[in-house]
């Protein structure tokens, strides 16, 4: 059991956010950051059906691409 799970969070082009767990087959999305946080917790709970084996810390890593034109 790992004590931490990390989600990479990106802004969706159509609005909202999507997140993917690094090293696990967990992905989810939400319209707002509050929605996304709730969906991530729910997805982790579903993936780890036994709470004793679930990571105790969920870390969100926000990825933001920025393009500048000259």
Protein backbone atom coordinates (compact mmCIF):
# COMPACT_ATOMS: atom_id res chain seq x y z
CA UNK A 1 0.00 0.00 0.00
CA UNK A 2 1.23 3.45 -0.87
CA UNK A 3 0.53 6.27 1.55
CA UNK A 4 -0.04 8.79 -1.26
CA UNK A 5 -1.69 8.96 -4.67
CA UNK A 6 -0.96 11.76 -7.14
CA UNK A 7 -3.43 13.09 -9.69
CA UNK A 8 -2.36 15.18 -12.67
CA UNK A 9 -5.02 17.87 -13.15
CA UNK A 10 -5.56 19.68 -16.46
CA UNK A 11 -8.08 22.24 -17.65
CA UNK A 12 -10.36 20.81 -20.34
CA UNK A 13 -10.61 22.78 -23.59
CA UNK A 14 -14.41 22.67 -23.39
CA UNK A 15 -14.33 23.92 -19.79
CA UNK A 16 -13.96 22.24 -16.45
CA UNK A 17 -11.12 19.98 -15.34
CA UNK A 18 -9.96 16.40 -15.77
CA UNK A 19 -7.63 14.39 -13.58
CA UNK A 20 -5.67 11.17 -14.01
CA UNK A 21 -3.93 9.23 -11.23
CA UNK A 22 -0.26 8.52 -11.87
CA UNK A 23 0.39 4.79 -11.70
CA UNK A 24 -3.28 3.82 -11.33
CA UNK A 25 -6.15 3.40 -13.78
CA UNK A 26 -8.20 6.21 -12.26
CA UNK A 27 -9.52 9.17 -14.25
CA UNK A 28 -12.33 11.60 -13.54
CA UNK A 29 -13.56 15.09 -14.38
CA UNK A 30 -15.52 17.96 -12.87
CA UNK A 31 -17.01 21.28 -13.93
CA UNK A 32 -15.41 23.18 -11.04
CA UNK A 33 -12.42 22.48 -8.79
CA UNK A 34 -14.85 21.69 -5.97
CA UNK A 35 -16.64 19.16 -8.21
CA UNK A 36 -13.31 17.69 -9.30
CA UNK A 37 -12.12 17.22 -5.71
CA UNK A 38 -15.35 15.45 -4.82
CA UNK A 39 -15.13 13.25 -7.93
CA UNK A 40 -11.48 12.35 -7.19
CA UNK A 41 -12.33 11.26 -3.65
CA UNK A 42 -15.24 9.21 -4.97
CA UNK A 43 -13.07 7.62 -7.69
CA UNK A 44 -10.36 6.68 -5.17
CA UNK A 45 -12.97 5.18 -2.84
CA UNK A 46 -14.38 3.10 -5.71
CA UNK A 47 -10.96 1.96 -6.93
CA UNK A 48 -9.79 0.87 -3.48
CA UNK A 49 -12.81 -1.08 -2.25
CA UNK A 50 -11.03 -1.73 1.06
CA UNK A 51 -10.31 1.54 2.87
CA UNK A 52 -7.39 -0.11 4.69
CA UNK A 53 -5.53 -0.40 1.34
CA UNK A 54 -6.36 3.10 0.08
CA UNK A 55 -3.71 5.84 0.13
CA UNK A 56 -4.11 8.23 3.04
CA UNK A 57 -3.05 11.31 1.03
CA UNK A 58 -4.43 12.47 -2.32
CA UNK A 59 -2.13 15.00 -3.98
CA UNK A 60 -3.27 17.16 -6.92
CA UNK A 61 -0.61 18.27 -9.39
CA UNK A 62 -1.97 21.10 -11.57
CA UNK A 63 -0.61 21.24 -15.12
CA UNK A 64 -1.06 24.41 -17.09
CA UNK A 65 0.19 25.00 -20.59
CA UNK A 66 0.81 28.58 -21.56
CA UNK A 67 1.52 29.66 -25.11
CA UNK A 68 3.03 33.04 -25.95
CA UNK A 69 3.20 34.49 -29.44
CA UNK A 70 5.75 37.04 -30.59
